[in-house]
Amino acid sequence: MNWLENELIYLRAVEPEDLDVMYVIENNPTHWVAGGVTQPISMYTLKRYIESSHDDLFIDRQLRLMIVERDSREVVGIVDLTDYDPLHGRAAVGILVKSSFRKRGIGLQSLMLLRDYCFDFLHLHQLYAFIATDNIPSLNLFAQAGFLRSGELKDWISVGNVYKTACVMQCFPACETPR
């Protein structure tokens, strides 16, 4: 069984030829707030990241996977596991789908593949995400993928001179109920 693919998409490790796509995505200022980025990232830095990554959550404590549309074989987005904590069996999830590929179910399919991989293969206990409470499309996407609202963090996200509240979304394996 391949945990990271379905009829619509597949998730794969970062390849050197992804450098240009990553450069465009990472350097779009509209994405910086959600990812906590504060400045542009150089091509050199991204190239070093690709070269130094082991593509192993347990070694790197993070995992970036490229979202590829099966029919066109085009990279249409990125899904990340970050802040992996092996003691507590949890990791944060981030996702970005190129705007021209949104509203096609790609984001939901990507999160569901990642979720099943994390729970059924990696045996993580939970996944989580911090999402601005006014980011309704992302809140709905994560909810459709089985993430539950578990709290709010007041003034968590800074956007210029304005602070926004973030919603904490958590997902647990289907067979587990949080205590």
N, C-alpha and C. Protein backbone atom coordinates (compact mmCIF):
# COMPACT_ATOMS: atom_id res chain seq x y z
N MET A 1 0.85 -1.19 0.00
CA MET A 1 0.00 0.00 0.00
C MET A 1 0.88 1.24 0.00
N ASN A 2 0.56 2.19 -0.87
CA ASN A 2 1.27 3.47 -0.85
C ASN A 2 0.42 4.46 -0.08
N TRP A 3 0.90 4.87 1.08
CA TRP A 3 0.16 5.74 1.99
C TRP A 3 -0.04 7.14 1.42
N LEU A 4 0.77 7.54 0.49
CA LEU A 4 0.82 8.94 0.09
C LEU A 4 0.29 9.21 -1.31
N GLU A 5 -0.66 8.40 -1.75
CA GLU A 5 -1.24 8.67 -3.07
C GLU A 5 -2.68 8.20 -3.15
N ASN A 6 -3.41 8.81 -4.06
CA ASN A 6 -4.76 8.38 -4.38
C ASN A 6 -4.97 8.65 -5.88
N GLU A 7 -6.21 8.61 -6.33
CA GLU A 7 -6.49 8.76 -7.76
C GLU A 7 -6.21 10.17 -8.27
N LEU A 8 -6.29 11.17 -7.40
CA LEU A 8 -6.16 12.57 -7.78
C LEU A 8 -4.74 13.12 -7.66
N ILE A 9 -4.07 12.78 -6.57
CA ILE A 9 -2.76 13.36 -6.26
C ILE A 9 -1.82 12.33 -5.65
N TYR A 10 -0.56 12.73 -5.53
CA TYR A 10 0.36 12.00 -4.68
C TYR A 10 1.27 13.00 -3.99
N LEU A 11 1.75 12.60 -2.82
CA LEU A 11 2.68 13.40 -2.04
C LEU A 11 4.04 12.74 -2.16
N ARG A 12 5.07 13.56 -2.45
CA ARG A 12 6.40 12.99 -2.60
C ARG A 12 7.44 13.88 -1.93
N ALA A 13 8.61 13.31 -1.74
CA ALA A 13 9.73 14.06 -1.16
C ALA A 13 10.15 15.20 -2.09
N VAL A 14 10.79 16.18 -1.51
CA VAL A 14 11.31 17.31 -2.28
C VAL A 14 12.48 16.83 -3.14
N GLU A 15 12.48 17.24 -4.39
CA GLU A 15 13.54 16.93 -5.33
C GLU A 15 14.27 18.23 -5.71
N PRO A 16 15.52 18.14 -6.18
CA PRO A 16 16.24 19.35 -6.59
C PRO A 16 15.48 20.18 -7.62
N GLU A 17 14.73 19.53 -8.49
CA GLU A 17 14.00 20.29 -9.52
C GLU A 17 12.81 21.07 -8.94
N ASP A 18 12.51 20.91 -7.66
CA ASP A 18 11.45 21.68 -7.01
C ASP A 18 11.92 23.05 -6.54
N LEU A 19 13.19 23.34 -6.73
CA LEU A 19 13.76 24.59 -6.24
C LEU A 19 12.99 25.81 -6.73
N ASP A 20 12.69 25.88 -8.01
CA ASP A 20 11.99 27.05 -8.55
C ASP A 20 10.59 27.20 -7.97
N VAL A 21 9.85 26.10 -7.85
CA VAL A 21 8.50 26.14 -7.28
C VAL A 21 8.56 26.59 -5.83
N MET A 22 9.48 26.02 -5.06
CA MET A 22 9.61 26.40 -3.66
C MET A 22 10.00 27.88 -3.53
N TYR A 23 10.86 28.34 -4.40
CA TYR A 23 11.30 29.74 -4.35
C TYR A 23 10.11 30.68 -4.54
N VAL A 24 9.26 30.39 -5.51
CA VAL A 24 8.08 31.23 -5.77
C VAL A 24 7.13 31.18 -4.57
N ILE A 25 6.85 30.00 -4.06
CA ILE A 25 5.91 29.85 -2.95
C ILE A 25 6.44 30.52 -1.69
N GLU A 26 7.68 30.23 -1.34
CA GLU A 26 8.26 30.76 -0.11
C GLU A 26 8.44 32.27 -0.13
N ASN A 27 8.56 32.85 -1.30
CA ASN A 27 8.82 34.29 -1.39
C ASN A 27 7.58 35.11 -1.73
N ASN A 28 6.41 34.51 -1.60
CA ASN A 28 5.16 35.23 -1.78
C ASN A 28 4.76 35.80 -0.41
N PRO A 29 4.84 37.13 -0.24
CA PRO A 29 4.57 37.72 1.08
C PRO A 29 3.18 37.40 1.64
N THR A 30 2.21 37.08 0.80
CA THR A 30 0.88 36.74 1.32
C THR A 30 0.88 35.43 2.10
N HIS A 31 1.91 34.61 1.92
CA HIS A 31 2.02 33.34 2.64
C HIS A 31 2.82 33.47 3.94
N TRP A 32 3.51 34.57 4.12
CA TRP A 32 4.44 34.69 5.24
C TRP A 32 3.77 34.65 6.61
N VAL A 33 2.63 35.29 6.74
CA VAL A 33 1.97 35.37 8.05
C VAL A 33 1.63 33.98 8.56
N ALA A 34 1.03 33.15 7.72
CA ALA A 34 0.63 31.80 8.15
C ALA A 34 1.83 30.94 8.50
N GLY A 35 2.95 31.15 7.80
CA GLY A 35 4.13 30.33 8.04
C GLY A 35 5.13 30.90 9.00
N GLY A 36 4.86 32.09 9.51
CA GLY A 36 5.79 32.71 10.46
C GLY A 36 7.07 33.20 9.82
N VAL A 37 7.05 33.43 8.52
CA VAL A 37 8.24 33.91 7.80
C VAL A 37 8.28 35.42 7.87
N THR A 38 9.47 35.98 8.01
CA THR A 38 9.60 37.43 8.15
C THR A 38 10.38 38.11 7.04
N GLN A 39 10.93 37.31 6.13
CA GLN A 39 11.71 37.90 5.05
C GLN A 39 11.82 36.92 3.89
N PRO A 40 12.24 37.41 2.71
CA PRO A 40 12.43 36.51 1.57
C PRO A 40 13.50 35.46 1.88
N ILE A 41 13.39 34.33 1.20
CA ILE A 41 14.35 33.24 1.35
C ILE A 41 15.11 33.12 0.04
N SER A 42 16.41 33.05 0.15
CA SER A 42 17.24 33.01 -1.06
C SER A 42 17.20 31.64 -1.73
N MET A 43 17.49 31.64 -3.00
CA MET A 43 17.61 30.40 -3.76
C MET A 43 18.70 29.52 -3.13
N TYR A 44 19.78 30.14 -2.70
CA TYR A 44 20.90 29.42 -2.07
C TYR A 44 20.44 28.70 -0.80
N THR A 45 19.65 29.39 0.04
CA THR A 45 19.16 28.79 1.28
C THR A 45 18.24 27.61 0.99
N LEU A 46 17.34 27.78 0.02
CA LEU A 46 16.44 26.68 -0.34
C LEU A 46 17.21 25.49 -0.91
N LYS A 47 18.21 25.78 -1.71
CA LYS A 47 19.02 24.70 -2.29
C LYS A 47 19.73 23.93 -1.17
N ARG A 48 20.27 24.66 -0.20
CA ARG A 48 20.93 23.99 0.95
C ARG A 48 19.93 23.16 1.75
N TYR A 49 18.71 23.68 1.90
CA TYR A 49 17.67 22.93 2.62
C TYR A 49 17.40 21.60 1.92
N ILE A 50 17.23 21.66 0.61
CA ILE A 50 16.96 20.44 -0.16
C ILE A 50 18.12 19.45 -0.03
N GLU A 51 19.33 19.96 -0.13
CA GLU A 51 20.51 19.09 -0.06
C GLU A 51 20.72 18.48 1.32
N SER A 52 20.37 19.22 2.36
CA SER A 52 20.66 18.73 3.72
C SER A 52 19.52 17.92 4.33
N SER A 53 18.33 17.98 3.73
CA SER A 53 17.20 17.26 4.30
C SER A 53 17.38 15.75 4.11
N HIS A 54 17.02 15.03 5.16
CA HIS A 54 17.05 13.57 5.09
C HIS A 54 15.70 13.00 4.65
N ASP A 55 14.72 13.89 4.48
CA ASP A 55 13.35 13.47 4.16
C ASP A 55 12.87 12.45 5.18
N ASP A 56 13.20 12.70 6.44
CA ASP A 56 12.86 11.77 7.51
C ASP A 56 12.39 12.58 8.72
N LEU A 57 11.14 12.43 9.08
CA LEU A 57 10.56 13.16 10.19
C LEU A 57 11.33 12.92 11.48
N PHE A 58 11.81 11.70 11.68
CA PHE A 58 12.47 11.35 12.93
C PHE A 58 13.87 11.95 13.04
N ILE A 59 14.51 12.20 11.92
CA ILE A 59 15.84 12.82 11.92
C ILE A 59 15.75 14.34 11.87
N ASP A 60 14.97 14.85 10.93
CA ASP A 60 14.89 16.30 10.70
C ASP A 60 13.92 17.00 11.65
N ARG A 61 13.03 16.24 12.28
CA ARG A 61 11.96 16.79 13.13
C ARG A 61 10.95 17.61 12.33
N GLN A 62 11.02 17.47 11.02
CA GLN A 62 10.06 18.09 10.11
C GLN A 62 10.07 17.28 8.82
N LEU A 63 9.01 17.46 8.04
CA LEU A 63 8.92 16.75 6.77
C LEU A 63 8.13 17.61 5.80
N ARG A 64 8.73 17.89 4.67
CA ARG A 64 8.05 18.63 3.61
C ARG A 64 7.77 17.65 2.48
N LEU A 65 6.52 17.68 2.02
CA LEU A 65 6.13 16.85 0.89
C LEU A 65 5.51 17.74 -0.18
N MET A 66 5.84 17.45 -1.42
CA MET A 66 5.29 18.18 -2.54
C MET A 66 3.99 17.51 -2.95
N ILE A 67 2.97 18.32 -3.21
CA ILE A 67 1.68 17.82 -3.67
C ILE A 67 1.71 17.84 -5.20
N VAL A 68 1.53 16.68 -5.80
CA VAL A 68 1.61 16.56 -7.25
C VAL A 68 0.27 16.07 -7.79
N GLU A 69 -0.26 16.81 -8.76
CA GLU A 69 -1.49 16.38 -9.43
C GLU A 69 -1.14 15.20 -10.35
N ARG A 70 -1.84 14.12 -10.17
CA ARG A 70 -1.51 12.89 -10.89
C ARG A 70 -1.59 13.06 -12.42
N ASP A 71 -2.68 13.65 -12.92
CA ASP A 71 -2.86 13.75 -14.38
C ASP A 71 -1.79 14.60 -15.05
N SER A 72 -1.52 15.78 -14.51
CA SER A 72 -0.57 16.70 -15.15
C SER A 72 0.88 16.50 -14.68
N ARG A 73 1.05 15.79 -13.55
CA ARG A 73 2.35 15.61 -12.90
C ARG A 73 2.96 16.95 -12.48
N GLU A 74 2.10 17.94 -12.30
CA GLU A 74 2.55 19.27 -11.89
C GLU A 74 2.52 19.38 -10.37
N VAL A 75 3.55 20.03 -9.81
CA VAL A 75 3.56 20.33 -8.38
C VAL A 75 2.53 21.43 -8.16
N VAL A 76 1.52 21.14 -7.34
CA VAL A 76 0.43 22.08 -7.13
C VAL A 76 0.39 22.63 -5.71
N GLY A 77 1.31 22.18 -4.87
CA GLY A 77 1.35 22.69 -3.51
C GLY A 77 2.37 21.97 -2.65
N ILE A 78 2.34 22.33 -1.39
CA ILE A 78 3.28 21.79 -0.41
C ILE A 78 2.50 21.50 0.87
N VAL A 79 2.83 20.39 1.51
CA VAL A 79 2.28 20.08 2.83
C VAL A 79 3.47 19.78 3.74
N ASP A 80 3.42 20.36 4.94
CA ASP A 80 4.53 20.25 5.88
C ASP A 80 4.09 19.66 7.20
N LEU A 81 4.95 18.85 7.78
CA LEU A 81 4.88 18.49 9.19
C LEU A 81 6.05 19.21 9.85
N THR A 82 5.76 19.95 10.89
CA THR A 82 6.81 20.68 11.60
C THR A 82 6.65 20.47 13.10
N ASP A 83 7.62 20.94 13.84
CA ASP A 83 7.57 20.88 15.31
C ASP A 83 7.26 19.47 15.81
N TYR A 84 7.83 18.48 15.14
CA TYR A 84 7.61 17.09 15.55
C TYR A 84 8.16 16.88 16.95
N ASP A 85 7.35 16.31 17.80
CA ASP A 85 7.72 16.02 19.18
C ASP A 85 7.56 14.52 19.41
N PRO A 86 8.67 13.78 19.39
CA PRO A 86 8.56 12.32 19.52
C PRO A 86 8.08 11.87 20.89
N LEU A 87 8.39 12.62 21.93
CA LEU A 87 7.96 12.24 23.27
C LEU A 87 6.44 12.22 23.38
N HIS A 88 5.80 13.23 22.80
CA HIS A 88 4.36 13.35 22.90
C HIS A 88 3.62 12.88 21.65
N GLY A 89 4.37 12.45 20.64
CA GLY A 89 3.76 11.89 19.44
C GLY A 89 2.89 12.86 18.67
N ARG A 90 3.40 14.08 18.48
CA ARG A 90 2.59 15.08 17.78
C ARG A 90 3.45 15.88 16.81
N ALA A 91 2.76 16.48 15.84
CA ALA A 91 3.42 17.34 14.86
C ALA A 91 2.41 18.37 14.36
N ALA A 92 2.93 19.54 13.99
CA ALA A 92 2.10 20.59 13.41
C ALA A 92 1.98 20.35 11.91
N VAL A 93 0.85 20.78 11.35
CA VAL A 93 0.59 20.61 9.93
C VAL A 93 0.42 21.98 9.29
N GLY A 94 1.03 22.13 8.12
CA GLY A 94 0.83 23.31 7.30
C GLY A 94 0.62 22.88 5.87
N ILE A 95 -0.19 23.61 5.15
CA ILE A 95 -0.46 23.25 3.76
C ILE A 95 -0.63 24.52 2.93
N LEU A 96 -0.16 24.44 1.71
CA LEU A 96 -0.38 25.52 0.76
C LEU A 96 -0.63 24.89 -0.60
N VAL A 97 -1.75 25.24 -1.19
CA VAL A 97 -2.07 24.81 -2.55
C VAL A 97 -2.05 26.06 -3.41
N LYS A 98 -1.38 25.98 -4.56
CA LYS A 98 -1.33 27.12 -5.48
C LYS A 98 -2.75 27.60 -5.76
N SER A 99 -2.92 28.91 -5.84
CA SER A 99 -4.26 29.49 -5.99
C SER A 99 -4.99 28.97 -7.22
N SER A 100 -4.26 28.70 -8.29
CA SER A 100 -4.91 28.22 -9.53
C SER A 100 -5.41 26.78 -9.41
N PHE A 101 -5.05 26.09 -8.33
CA PHE A 101 -5.49 24.70 -8.13
C PHE A 101 -6.43 24.54 -6.95
N ARG A 102 -6.83 25.65 -6.35
CA ARG A 102 -7.74 25.58 -5.20
C ARG A 102 -9.16 25.27 -5.65
N LYS A 103 -9.96 24.84 -4.70
CA LYS A 103 -11.38 24.49 -4.92
C LYS A 103 -11.55 23.31 -5.86
N ARG A 104 -10.55 22.40 -5.84
CA ARG A 104 -10.64 21.17 -6.63
C ARG A 104 -10.55 19.93 -5.73
N GLY A 105 -10.50 20.15 -4.42
CA GLY A 105 -10.39 19.03 -3.49
C GLY A 105 -8.96 18.60 -3.21
N ILE A 106 -7.99 19.29 -3.79
CA ILE A 106 -6.59 18.90 -3.63
C ILE A 106 -6.11 19.09 -2.19
N GLY A 107 -6.49 20.21 -1.58
CA GLY A 107 -6.11 20.46 -0.19
C GLY A 107 -6.65 19.40 0.75
N LEU A 108 -7.94 19.09 0.60
CA LEU A 108 -8.56 18.08 1.45
C LEU A 108 -7.93 16.71 1.23
N GLN A 109 -7.74 16.32 -0.02
CA GLN A 109 -7.11 15.03 -0.31
C GLN A 109 -5.70 14.96 0.27
N SER A 110 -4.96 16.06 0.19
CA SER A 110 -3.59 16.10 0.72
C SER A 110 -3.59 15.92 2.23
N LEU A 111 -4.47 16.64 2.92
CA LEU A 111 -4.54 16.52 4.38
C LEU A 111 -4.97 15.12 4.80
N MET A 112 -5.89 14.53 4.07
CA MET A 112 -6.35 13.19 4.43
C MET A 112 -5.26 12.15 4.21
N LEU A 113 -4.52 12.27 3.11
CA LEU A 113 -3.39 11.35 2.89
C LEU A 113 -2.34 11.51 3.99
N LEU A 114 -2.01 12.77 4.29
CA LEU A 114 -1.01 13.03 5.33
C LEU A 114 -1.48 12.51 6.68
N ARG A 115 -2.74 12.78 7.01
CA ARG A 115 -3.31 12.33 8.27
C ARG A 115 -3.22 10.81 8.40
N ASP A 116 -3.66 10.08 7.38
CA ASP A 116 -3.64 8.62 7.44
C ASP A 116 -2.21 8.09 7.53
N TYR A 117 -1.29 8.70 6.80
CA TYR A 117 0.12 8.31 6.85
C TYR A 117 0.66 8.50 8.28
N CYS A 118 0.35 9.65 8.88
CA CYS A 118 0.87 9.94 10.22
C CYS A 118 0.32 9.00 11.28
N PHE A 119 -0.96 8.69 11.18
CA PHE A 119 -1.58 7.85 12.21
C PHE A 119 -1.37 6.36 11.95
N ASP A 120 -1.53 5.93 10.73
CA ASP A 120 -1.50 4.50 10.43
C ASP A 120 -0.09 3.95 10.18
N PHE A 121 0.81 4.80 9.69
CA PHE A 121 2.16 4.32 9.40
C PHE A 121 3.18 4.83 10.43
N LEU A 122 3.16 6.14 10.71
CA LEU A 122 4.12 6.70 11.66
C LEU A 122 3.67 6.55 13.11
N HIS A 123 2.40 6.25 13.33
CA HIS A 123 1.82 6.02 14.66
C HIS A 123 1.91 7.25 15.57
N LEU A 124 1.71 8.44 14.98
CA LEU A 124 1.64 9.63 15.80
C LEU A 124 0.33 9.63 16.59
N HIS A 125 0.32 10.33 17.70
CA HIS A 125 -0.87 10.43 18.54
C HIS A 125 -1.78 11.57 18.11
N GLN A 126 -1.19 12.67 17.60
CA GLN A 126 -2.03 13.78 17.17
C GLN A 126 -1.32 14.70 16.20
N LEU A 127 -2.12 15.39 15.42
CA LEU A 127 -1.67 16.45 14.53
C LEU A 127 -2.40 17.72 14.96
N TYR A 128 -1.76 18.87 14.73
CA TYR A 128 -2.41 20.11 15.11
C TYR A 128 -2.02 21.23 14.15
N ALA A 129 -2.82 22.29 14.18
CA ALA A 129 -2.55 23.47 13.37
C ALA A 129 -3.07 24.69 14.10
N PHE A 130 -2.39 25.82 13.91
CA PHE A 130 -2.87 27.11 14.39
C PHE A 130 -3.35 27.88 13.18
N ILE A 131 -4.62 28.27 13.17
CA ILE A 131 -5.22 28.94 12.02
C ILE A 131 -5.92 30.20 12.51
N ALA A 132 -5.67 31.31 11.83
CA ALA A 132 -6.34 32.56 12.19
C ALA A 132 -7.86 32.35 12.14
N THR A 133 -8.56 32.87 13.13
CA THR A 133 -10.00 32.66 13.22
C THR A 133 -10.77 33.30 12.06
N ASP A 134 -10.13 34.23 11.37
CA ASP A 134 -10.81 34.83 10.21
C ASP A 134 -10.45 34.14 8.90
N ASN A 135 -9.65 33.07 8.96
CA ASN A 135 -9.29 32.31 7.77
C ASN A 135 -10.29 31.15 7.62
N ILE A 136 -11.49 31.52 7.24
CA ILE A 136 -12.59 30.56 7.17
C ILE A 136 -12.31 29.41 6.20
N PRO A 137 -11.74 29.66 5.00
CA PRO A 137 -11.45 28.53 4.11
C PRO A 137 -10.52 27.49 4.75
N SER A 138 -9.49 27.94 5.46
CA SER A 138 -8.58 26.98 6.10
C SER A 138 -9.24 26.26 7.27
N LEU A 139 -10.01 26.99 8.05
CA LEU A 139 -10.73 26.34 9.16
C LEU A 139 -11.66 25.26 8.62
N ASN A 140 -12.38 25.57 7.55
CA ASN A 140 -13.29 24.59 6.95
C ASN A 140 -12.53 23.40 6.37
N LEU A 141 -11.40 23.66 5.71
CA LEU A 141 -10.59 22.58 5.14
C LEU A 141 -10.14 21.62 6.23
N PHE A 142 -9.56 22.14 7.30
CA PHE A 142 -9.06 21.27 8.37
C PHE A 142 -10.21 20.53 9.05
N ALA A 143 -11.35 21.20 9.23
CA ALA A 143 -12.51 20.52 9.82
C ALA A 143 -12.97 19.36 8.94
N GLN A 144 -13.00 19.56 7.63
CA GLN A 144 -13.40 18.49 6.71
C GLN A 144 -12.43 17.32 6.78
N ALA A 145 -11.17 17.59 7.11
CA ALA A 145 -10.16 16.54 7.20
C ALA A 145 -10.14 15.87 8.58
N GLY A 146 -11.08 16.23 9.45
CA GLY A 146 -11.19 15.56 10.74
C GLY A 146 -10.54 16.29 11.89
N PHE A 147 -10.10 17.52 11.68
CA PHE A 147 -9.51 18.31 12.77
C PHE A 147 -10.64 18.98 13.55
N LEU A 148 -10.49 19.04 14.86
CA LEU A 148 -11.48 19.62 15.74
C LEU A 148 -10.94 20.92 16.34
N ARG A 149 -11.83 21.89 16.49
CA ARG A 149 -11.45 23.13 17.19
C ARG A 149 -11.31 22.80 18.66
N SER A 150 -10.15 23.11 19.23
CA SER A 150 -9.96 22.78 20.64
C SER A 150 -9.65 23.99 21.50
N GLY A 151 -9.52 25.16 20.90
CA GLY A 151 -9.27 26.35 21.70
C GLY A 151 -8.86 27.51 20.83
N GLU A 152 -8.63 28.63 21.50
CA GLU A 152 -8.20 29.84 20.82
C GLU A 152 -7.02 30.44 21.55
N LEU A 153 -6.16 31.06 20.80
CA LEU A 153 -5.00 31.78 21.34
C LEU A 153 -5.18 33.24 20.97
N LYS A 154 -5.46 34.07 21.95
CA LYS A 154 -5.72 35.49 21.71
C LYS A 154 -4.45 36.19 21.24
N ASP A 155 -4.61 37.08 20.27
CA ASP A 155 -3.51 37.91 19.76
C ASP A 155 -2.28 37.08 19.39
N TRP A 156 -2.48 35.95 18.75
CA TRP A 156 -1.43 34.97 18.46
C TRP A 156 -0.67 35.30 17.18
N ILE A 157 -1.35 35.88 16.21
CA ILE A 157 -0.75 36.11 14.89
C ILE A 157 -0.68 37.61 14.64
N SER A 158 0.52 38.09 14.35
CA SER A 158 0.72 39.50 14.06
C SER A 158 0.67 39.73 12.56
N VAL A 159 -0.21 40.65 12.15
CA VAL A 159 -0.32 41.05 10.74
C VAL A 159 -0.15 42.57 10.73
N GLY A 160 1.08 43.00 10.48
CA GLY A 160 1.36 44.43 10.57
C GLY A 160 1.21 44.89 12.00
N ASN A 161 0.35 45.86 12.23
CA ASN A 161 0.10 46.38 13.58
C ASN A 161 -1.13 45.77 14.23
N VAL A 162 -1.69 44.75 13.61
CA VAL A 162 -2.90 44.11 14.12
C VAL A 162 -2.56 42.69 14.58
N TYR A 163 -3.11 42.33 15.72
CA TYR A 163 -2.95 40.96 16.22
C TYR A 163 -4.26 40.22 16.04
N LYS A 164 -4.14 38.98 15.55
CA LYS A 164 -5.32 38.16 15.31
C LYS A 164 -5.32 36.96 16.24
N THR A 165 -6.52 36.51 16.53
CA THR A 165 -6.68 35.31 17.34
C THR A 165 -6.52 34.08 16.46
N ALA A 166 -5.86 33.07 16.99
CA ALA A 166 -5.68 31.82 16.25
C ALA A 166 -6.52 30.73 16.90
N CYS A 167 -7.06 29.90 16.06
CA CYS A 167 -7.80 28.73 16.50
C CYS A 167 -6.82 27.55 16.53
N VAL A 168 -6.87 26.76 17.59
CA VAL A 168 -6.09 25.54 17.66
C VAL A 168 -6.97 24.41 17.12
N MET A 169 -6.49 23.76 16.08
CA MET A 169 -7.20 22.63 15.49
C MET A 169 -6.36 21.37 15.76
N GLN A 170 -7.00 20.31 16.24
CA GLN A 170 -6.31 19.06 16.54
C GLN A 170 -7.01 17.90 15.86
N CYS A 171 -6.21 16.91 15.50
CA CYS A 171 -6.74 15.70 14.90
C CYS A 171 -6.11 14.49 15.59
N PHE A 172 -6.95 13.52 15.90
CA PHE A 172 -6.51 12.29 16.54
C PHE A 172 -6.91 11.12 15.68
N PRO A 173 -6.22 9.98 15.84
CA PRO A 173 -6.64 8.79 15.07
C PRO A 173 -8.11 8.49 15.35
N ALA A 174 -8.78 7.92 14.38
CA ALA A 174 -10.22 7.65 14.49
C ALA A 174 -10.55 6.79 15.69
N CYS A 175 -9.63 5.92 16.08
CA CYS A 175 -9.93 5.00 17.18
C CYS A 175 -9.65 5.62 18.55
N GLU A 176 -9.12 6.85 18.59
CA GLU A 176 -8.80 7.47 19.86
C GLU A 176 -9.68 8.69 20.12
N THR A 177 -10.05 8.86 21.35
CA THR A 177 -10.77 10.06 21.76
C THR A 177 -9.88 10.80 22.74
N PRO A 178 -9.70 12.12 22.54
CA PRO A 178 -8.87 12.85 23.49
C PRO A 178 -9.46 12.79 24.89
N ARG A 179 -8.58 12.74 25.86
CA ARG A 179 -9.02 12.66 27.27
C ARG A 179 -9.36 14.02 27.80
